[in-house]
Structure formats: structure tokens, C-alpha cells
Amino acid sequence: MIAGSGTVRHDHGQTGIESGDCFLFKPGQAHQLTNDSHSDLVILVVADNPIGESYHYPKEANVDR
């Protein structure tokens, strides 16, 4: 995290994030970053994903069963 604050959703729930924080997600591990503040959320992403790779991780509450 370079600047701002927000929330990261991960396997174990949600965690507040702020400038100076760092985290790692393994390939295929669901996650979502949300800017829930009034200022810009500036992040640095380092990844080695193939071009065009993307995933969709629906929230459990929205999954049809």
C-alpha cells in the first residue's frame, strides 16, 4: 500500500488496510481490495500472471446454491 486506506477481503474475512501495509496472495487465492475512504487508494501490484488471465470470486452471500 503506497497511500490511502481501505479493506481487503480474503479467505478469512476482511481486514482494514492502510499506507505501508503489504500482503501476499497465492495463485488462485480469492481476494478483493476496496477503497472505502474519500481519498485515493494507491497500490503497487507485483504479479507474474499470464496475459488475459482473470478470475471471478463471488461473495458467498450472492452464490446460488
PDB file of N, CA and C in Angstrom:
ATOM      1  N   MET A   1       0.845  -1.163   0.000  1.00  0.00           N
ATOM      2  CA  MET A   1       0.000   0.000   0.000  1.00  0.00           C
ATOM      3  C   MET A   1       0.898   1.236   0.000  1.00  0.00           C
ATOM      4  N   ILE A   2       0.696   2.078  -0.966  1.00  0.00           N
ATOM      5  CA  ILE A   2       1.501   3.289  -1.074  1.00  0.00           C
ATOM      6  C   ILE A   2       0.802   4.466  -0.400  1.00  0.00           C
ATOM      7  N   ALA A   3      -0.500   4.606  -0.594  1.00  0.00           N
ATOM      8  CA  ALA A   3      -1.238   5.715   0.022  1.00  0.00           C
ATOM      9  C   ALA A   3      -2.704   5.340   0.162  1.00  0.00           C
ATOM     10  N   GLY A   4      -3.365   5.966   1.120  1.00  0.00           N
ATOM     11  CA  GLY A   4      -4.785   5.760   1.314  1.00  0.00           C
ATOM     12  C   GLY A   4      -5.082   4.667   2.318  1.00  0.00           C
ATOM     13  N   SER A   5      -6.361   4.298   2.364  1.00  0.00           N
ATOM     14  CA  SER A   5      -6.801   3.226   3.252  1.00  0.00           C
ATOM     15  C   SER A   5      -8.010   2.544   2.625  1.00  0.00           C
ATOM     16  N   GLY A   6      -8.307   1.366   3.105  1.00  0.00           N
ATOM     17  CA  GLY A   6      -9.430   0.615   2.564  1.00  0.00           C
ATOM     18  C   GLY A   6      -9.587  -0.701   3.287  1.00  0.00           C
ATOM     19  N   THR A   7     -10.089  -1.692   2.543  1.00  0.00           N
ATOM     20  CA  THR A   7     -10.360  -3.013   3.099  1.00  0.00           C
ATOM     21  C   THR A   7      -9.915  -4.065   2.098  1.00  0.00           C
ATOM     22  N   VAL A   8      -9.358  -5.157   2.590  1.00  0.00           N
ATOM     23  CA  VAL A   8      -9.059  -6.305   1.745  1.00  0.00           C
ATOM     24  C   VAL A   8      -9.925  -7.473   2.216  1.00  0.00           C
ATOM     25  N   ARG A   9     -10.638  -8.093   1.249  1.00  0.00           N
ATOM     26  CA  ARG A   9     -11.439  -9.287   1.532  1.00  0.00           C
ATOM     27  C   ARG A   9     -10.591 -10.495   1.150  1.00  0.00           C
ATOM     28  N   HIS A  10     -10.558 -11.502   2.023  1.00  0.00           N
ATOM     29  CA  HIS A  10      -9.729 -12.685   1.815  1.00  0.00           C
ATOM     30  C   HIS A  10     -10.446 -13.905   2.379  1.00  0.00           C
ATOM     31  N   ASP A  11      -9.770 -15.057   2.366  1.00  0.00           N
ATOM     32  CA  ASP A  11     -10.371 -16.327   2.796  1.00  0.00           C
ATOM     33  C   ASP A  11     -10.946 -16.291   4.210  1.00  0.00           C
ATOM     34  N   HIS A  12     -10.398 -15.461   5.076  1.00  0.00           N
ATOM     35  CA  HIS A  12     -10.789 -15.453   6.486  1.00  0.00           C
ATOM     36  C   HIS A  12     -11.653 -14.253   6.869  1.00  0.00           C
ATOM     37  N   GLY A  13     -12.135 -13.490   5.894  1.00  0.00           N
ATOM     38  CA  GLY A  13     -12.992 -12.344   6.179  1.00  0.00           C
ATOM     39  C   GLY A  13     -12.462 -11.074   5.542  1.00  0.00           C
ATOM     40  N   GLN A  14     -12.461  -9.987   6.315  1.00  0.00           N
ATOM     41  CA  GLN A  14     -11.995  -8.695   5.817  1.00  0.00           C
ATOM     42  C   GLN A  14     -11.019  -8.091   6.819  1.00  0.00           C
ATOM     43  N   THR A  15     -10.072  -7.312   6.302  1.00  0.00           N
ATOM     44  CA  THR A  15      -9.072  -6.645   7.126  1.00  0.00           C
ATOM     45  C   THR A  15      -8.892  -5.223   6.626  1.00  0.00           C
ATOM     46  N   GLY A  16      -8.834  -4.269   7.547  1.00  0.00           N
ATOM     47  CA  GLY A  16      -8.531  -2.893   7.174  1.00  0.00           C
ATOM     48  C   GLY A  16      -7.095  -2.785   6.710  1.00  0.00           C
ATOM     49  N   ILE A  17      -6.865  -1.954   5.694  1.00  0.00           N
ATOM     50  CA  ILE A  17      -5.518  -1.752   5.157  1.00  0.00           C
ATOM     51  C   ILE A  17      -5.235  -0.261   5.080  1.00  0.00           C
ATOM     52  N   GLU A  18      -3.954   0.079   5.193  1.00  0.00           N
ATOM     53  CA  GLU A  18      -3.546   1.491   5.125  1.00  0.00           C
ATOM     54  C   GLU A  18      -2.141   1.594   4.552  1.00  0.00           C
ATOM     55  N   SER A  19      -1.730   2.807   4.288  1.00  0.00           N
ATOM     56  CA  SER A  19      -0.422   3.073   3.719  1.00  0.00           C
ATOM     57  C   SER A  19       0.666   2.355   4.520  1.00  0.00           C
ATOM     58  N   GLY A  20       1.569   1.679   3.817  1.00  0.00           N
ATOM     59  CA  GLY A  20       2.657   0.948   4.465  1.00  0.00           C
ATOM     60  C   GLY A  20       2.382  -0.539   4.623  1.00  0.00           C
ATOM     61  N   ASP A  21       1.118  -0.962   4.491  1.00  0.00           N
ATOM     62  CA  ASP A  21       0.793  -2.387   4.617  1.00  0.00           C
ATOM     63  C   ASP A  21       1.261  -3.154   3.383  1.00  0.00           C
ATOM     64  N   CYS A  22       1.513  -4.435   3.573  1.00  0.00           N
ATOM     65  CA  CYS A  22       1.934  -5.319   2.492  1.00  0.00           C
ATOM     66  C   CYS A  22       1.252  -6.667   2.710  1.00  0.00           C
ATOM     67  N   PHE A  23       0.841  -7.325   1.636  1.00  0.00           N
ATOM     68  CA  PHE A  23       0.223  -8.638   1.763  1.00  0.00           C
ATOM     69  C   PHE A  23       0.500  -9.443   0.513  1.00  0.00           C
ATOM     70  N   LEU A  24       0.329 -10.757   0.621  1.00  0.00           N
ATOM     71  CA  LEU A  24       0.631 -11.689  -0.457  1.00  0.00           C
ATOM     72  C   LEU A  24      -0.543 -12.631  -0.652  1.00  0.00           C
ATOM     73  N   PHE A  25      -0.925 -12.841  -1.902  1.00  0.00           N
ATOM     74  CA  PHE A  25      -1.949 -13.816  -2.243  1.00  0.00           C
ATOM     75  C   PHE A  25      -1.337 -14.826  -3.194  1.00  0.00           C
ATOM     76  N   LYS A  26      -1.525 -16.088  -2.886  1.00  0.00           N
ATOM     77  CA  LYS A  26      -1.012 -17.159  -3.742  1.00  0.00           C
ATOM     78  C   LYS A  26      -1.873 -17.257  -4.995  1.00  0.00           C
ATOM     79  N   PRO A  27      -1.354 -17.858  -6.082  1.00  0.00           N
ATOM     80  CA  PRO A  27      -2.155 -18.026  -7.298  1.00  0.00           C
ATOM     81  C   PRO A  27      -3.473 -18.736  -7.001  1.00  0.00           C
ATOM     82  N   GLY A  28      -4.568 -18.173  -7.497  1.00  0.00           N
ATOM     83  CA  GLY A  28      -5.882 -18.760  -7.313  1.00  0.00           C
ATOM     84  C   GLY A  28      -6.545 -18.443  -5.980  1.00  0.00           C
ATOM     85  N   GLN A  29      -5.848 -17.736  -5.096  1.00  0.00           N
ATOM     86  CA  GLN A  29      -6.428 -17.384  -3.791  1.00  0.00           C
ATOM     87  C   GLN A  29      -7.318 -16.156  -3.960  1.00  0.00           C
ATOM     88  N   ALA A  30      -8.594 -16.296  -3.584  1.00  0.00           N
ATOM     89  CA  ALA A  30      -9.564 -15.209  -3.764  1.00  0.00           C
ATOM     90  C   ALA A  30      -9.216 -14.014  -2.889  1.00  0.00           C
ATOM     91  N   HIS A  31      -9.379 -12.804  -3.460  1.00  0.00           N
ATOM     92  CA  HIS A  31      -9.149 -11.563  -2.713  1.00  0.00           C
ATOM     93  C   HIS A  31      -9.792 -10.397  -3.463  1.00  0.00           C
ATOM     94  N   GLN A  32     -10.042  -9.327  -2.721  1.00  0.00           N
ATOM     95  CA  GLN A  32     -10.631  -8.125  -3.314  1.00  0.00           C
ATOM     96  C   GLN A  32     -10.185  -6.930  -2.495  1.00  0.00           C
ATOM     97  N   LEU A  33      -9.729  -5.878  -3.155  1.00  0.00           N
ATOM     98  CA  LEU A  33      -9.356  -4.628  -2.497  1.00  0.00           C
ATOM     99  C   LEU A  33     -10.474  -3.620  -2.714  1.00  0.00           C
ATOM    100  N   THR A  34     -10.850  -2.906  -1.647  1.00  0.00           N
ATOM    101  CA  THR A  34     -11.905  -1.904  -1.726  1.00  0.00           C
ATOM    102  C   THR A  34     -11.437  -0.606  -1.108  1.00  0.00           C
ATOM    103  N   ASN A  35     -11.624   0.482  -1.832  1.00  0.00           N
ATOM    104  CA  ASN A  35     -11.349   1.810  -1.287  1.00  0.00           C
ATOM    105  C   ASN A  35     -12.636   2.302  -0.645  1.00  0.00           C
ATOM    106  N   ASP A  36     -12.695   2.272   0.685  1.00  0.00           N
ATOM    107  CA  ASP A  36     -13.887   2.735   1.386  1.00  0.00           C
ATOM    108  C   ASP A  36     -13.638   4.065   2.098  1.00  0.00           C
ATOM    109  N   SER A  37     -12.679   4.833   1.547  1.00  0.00           N
ATOM    110  CA  SER A  37     -12.367   6.151   2.101  1.00  0.00           C
ATOM    111  C   SER A  37     -12.673   7.224   1.064  1.00  0.00           C
ATOM    112  N   HIS A  38     -12.441   8.478   1.417  1.00  0.00           N
ATOM    113  CA  HIS A  38     -12.688   9.597   0.497  1.00  0.00           C
ATOM    114  C   HIS A  38     -11.436  10.014  -0.265  1.00  0.00           C
ATOM    115  N   SER A  39     -10.304   9.347  -0.009  1.00  0.00           N
ATOM    116  CA  SER A  39      -9.069   9.685  -0.721  1.00  0.00           C
ATOM    117  C   SER A  39      -8.690   8.536  -1.657  1.00  0.00           C
ATOM    118  N   ASP A  40      -7.742   8.799  -2.548  1.00  0.00           N
ATOM    119  CA  ASP A  40      -7.292   7.774  -3.483  1.00  0.00           C
ATOM    120  C   ASP A  40      -6.617   6.628  -2.732  1.00  0.00           C
ATOM    121  N   LEU A  41      -6.810   5.422  -3.234  1.00  0.00           N
ATOM    122  CA  LEU A  41      -6.134   4.234  -2.735  1.00  0.00           C
ATOM    123  C   LEU A  41      -5.070   3.897  -3.768  1.00  0.00           C
ATOM    124  N   VAL A  42      -3.802   4.010  -3.400  1.00  0.00           N
ATOM    125  CA  VAL A  42      -2.699   3.791  -4.327  1.00  0.00           C
ATOM    126  C   VAL A  42      -1.967   2.520  -3.903  1.00  0.00           C
ATOM    127  N   ILE A  43      -1.919   1.543  -4.816  1.00  0.00           N
ATOM    128  CA  ILE A  43      -1.283   0.266  -4.502  1.00  0.00           C
ATOM    129  C   ILE A  43      -0.231  -0.069  -5.558  1.00  0.00           C
ATOM    130  N   LEU A  44       0.733  -0.881  -5.177  1.00  0.00           N
ATOM    131  CA  LEU A  44       1.727  -1.418  -6.094  1.00  0.00           C
ATOM    132  C   LEU A  44       1.487  -2.914  -6.170  1.00  0.00           C
ATOM    133  N   VAL A  45       1.221  -3.406  -7.371  1.00  0.00           N
ATOM    134  CA  VAL A  45       0.963  -4.825  -7.568  1.00  0.00           C
ATOM    135  C   VAL A  45       2.149  -5.437  -8.301  1.00  0.00           C
ATOM    136  N   VAL A  46       2.676  -6.512  -7.748  1.00  0.00           N
ATOM    137  CA  VAL A  46       3.741  -7.275  -8.393  1.00  0.00           C
ATOM    138  C   VAL A  46       3.166  -8.659  -8.668  1.00  0.00           C
ATOM    139  N   ALA A  47       3.058  -9.031  -9.937  1.00  0.00           N
ATOM    140  CA  ALA A  47       2.445 -10.305 -10.297  1.00  0.00           C
ATOM    141  C   ALA A  47       3.102 -10.869 -11.544  1.00  0.00           C
ATOM    142  N   ASP A  48       2.979 -12.162 -11.704  1.00  0.00           N
ATOM    143  CA  ASP A  48       3.511 -12.853 -12.869  1.00  0.00           C
ATOM    144  C   ASP A  48       2.388 -13.638 -13.535  1.00  0.00           C
ATOM    145  N   ASN A  49       1.267 -12.955 -13.775  1.00  0.00           N
ATOM    146  CA  ASN A  49       0.103 -13.599 -14.371  1.00  0.00           C
ATOM    147  C   ASN A  49       0.236 -13.627 -15.886  1.00  0.00           C
ATOM    148  N   PRO A  50      -0.227 -14.710 -16.521  1.00  0.00           N
ATOM    149  CA  PRO A  50      -0.247 -14.732 -17.991  1.00  0.00           C
ATOM    150  C   PRO A  50      -1.174 -13.638 -18.528  1.00  0.00           C
ATOM    151  N   ILE A  51      -0.892 -13.115 -19.703  1.00  0.00           N
ATOM    152  CA  ILE A  51      -1.718 -12.084 -20.314  1.00  0.00           C
ATOM    153  C   ILE A  51      -3.142 -12.605 -20.478  1.00  0.00           C
ATOM    154  N   GLY A  52      -4.114 -11.801 -20.062  1.00  0.00           N
ATOM    155  CA  GLY A  52      -5.514 -12.164 -20.208  1.00  0.00           C
ATOM    156  C   GLY A  52      -6.073 -13.015 -19.084  1.00  0.00           C
ATOM    157  N   GLU A  53      -5.251 -13.398 -18.125  1.00  0.00           N
ATOM    158  CA  GLU A  53      -5.740 -14.216 -17.020  1.00  0.00           C
ATOM    159  C   GLU A  53      -6.618 -13.381 -16.095  1.00  0.00           C
ATOM    160  N   SER A  54      -7.771 -13.901 -15.731  1.00  0.00           N
ATOM    161  CA  SER A  54      -8.635 -13.222 -14.771  1.00  0.00           C
ATOM    162  C   SER A  54      -9.479 -14.260 -14.049  1.00  0.00           C
ATOM    163  N   TYR A  55      -9.989 -13.888 -12.898  1.00  0.00           N
ATOM    164  CA  TYR A  55     -10.840 -14.749 -12.080  1.00  0.00           C
ATOM    165  C   TYR A  55     -12.035 -13.959 -11.601  1.00  0.00           C
ATOM    166  N   HIS A  56     -13.099 -14.653 -11.247  1.00  0.00           N
ATOM    167  CA  HIS A  56     -14.263 -14.037 -10.625  1.00  0.00           C
ATOM    168  C   HIS A  56     -14.507 -14.773  -9.319  1.00  0.00           C
ATOM    169  N   TYR A  57     -14.462 -14.049  -8.201  1.00  0.00           N
ATOM    170  CA  TYR A  57     -14.665 -14.621  -6.883  1.00  0.00           C
ATOM    171  C   TYR A  57     -15.940 -14.028  -6.287  1.00  0.00           C
ATOM    172  N   PRO A  58     -17.090 -14.659  -6.499  1.00  0.00           N
ATOM    173  CA  PRO A  58     -18.334 -14.093  -5.948  1.00  0.00           C
ATOM    174  C   PRO A  58     -18.355 -14.157  -4.420  1.00  0.00           C
ATOM    175  N   LYS A  59     -19.051 -13.199  -3.816  1.00  0.00           N
ATOM    176  CA  LYS A  59     -19.260 -13.251  -2.381  1.00  0.00           C
ATOM    177  C   LYS A  59     -20.156 -14.442  -2.083  1.00  0.00           C
ATOM    178  N   GLU A  60     -19.910 -15.136  -0.988  1.00  0.00           N
ATOM    179  CA  GLU A  60     -20.697 -16.314  -0.612  1.00  0.00           C
ATOM    180  C   GLU A  60     -22.192 -16.011  -0.577  1.00  0.00           C
ATOM    181  N   ALA A  61     -22.569 -14.846  -0.062  1.00  0.00           N
ATOM    182  CA  ALA A  61     -23.987 -14.494   0.071  1.00  0.00           C
ATOM    183  C   ALA A  61     -24.677 -14.402  -1.291  1.00  0.00           C
ATOM    184  N   ASN A  62     -23.909 -14.155  -2.363  1.00  0.00           N
ATOM    185  CA  ASN A  62     -24.500 -13.982  -3.690  1.00  0.00           C
ATOM    186  C   ASN A  62     -24.418 -15.234  -4.548  1.00  0.00           C
ATOM    187  N   VAL A  63     -23.909 -16.329  -4.000  1.00  0.00           N
ATOM    188  CA  VAL A  63     -23.743 -17.546  -4.786  1.00  0.00           C
ATOM    189  C   VAL A  63     -25.029 -18.359  -4.743  1.00  0.00           C
ATOM    190  N   ASP A  64     -25.547 -18.691  -5.921  1.00  0.00           N
ATOM    191  CA  ASP A  64     -26.748 -19.536  -5.993  1.00  0.00           C
ATOM    192  C   ASP A  64     -26.369 -20.967  -5.657  1.00  0.00           C
ATOM    193  N   ARG A  65     -27.163 -21.588  -4.826  1.00  0.00           N
ATOM    194  CA  ARG A  65     -26.885 -22.979  -4.451  1.00  0.00           C
ATOM    195  C   ARG A  65     -28.047 -23.856  -4.782  1.00  0.00           C
TER     196      ARG A  65
END
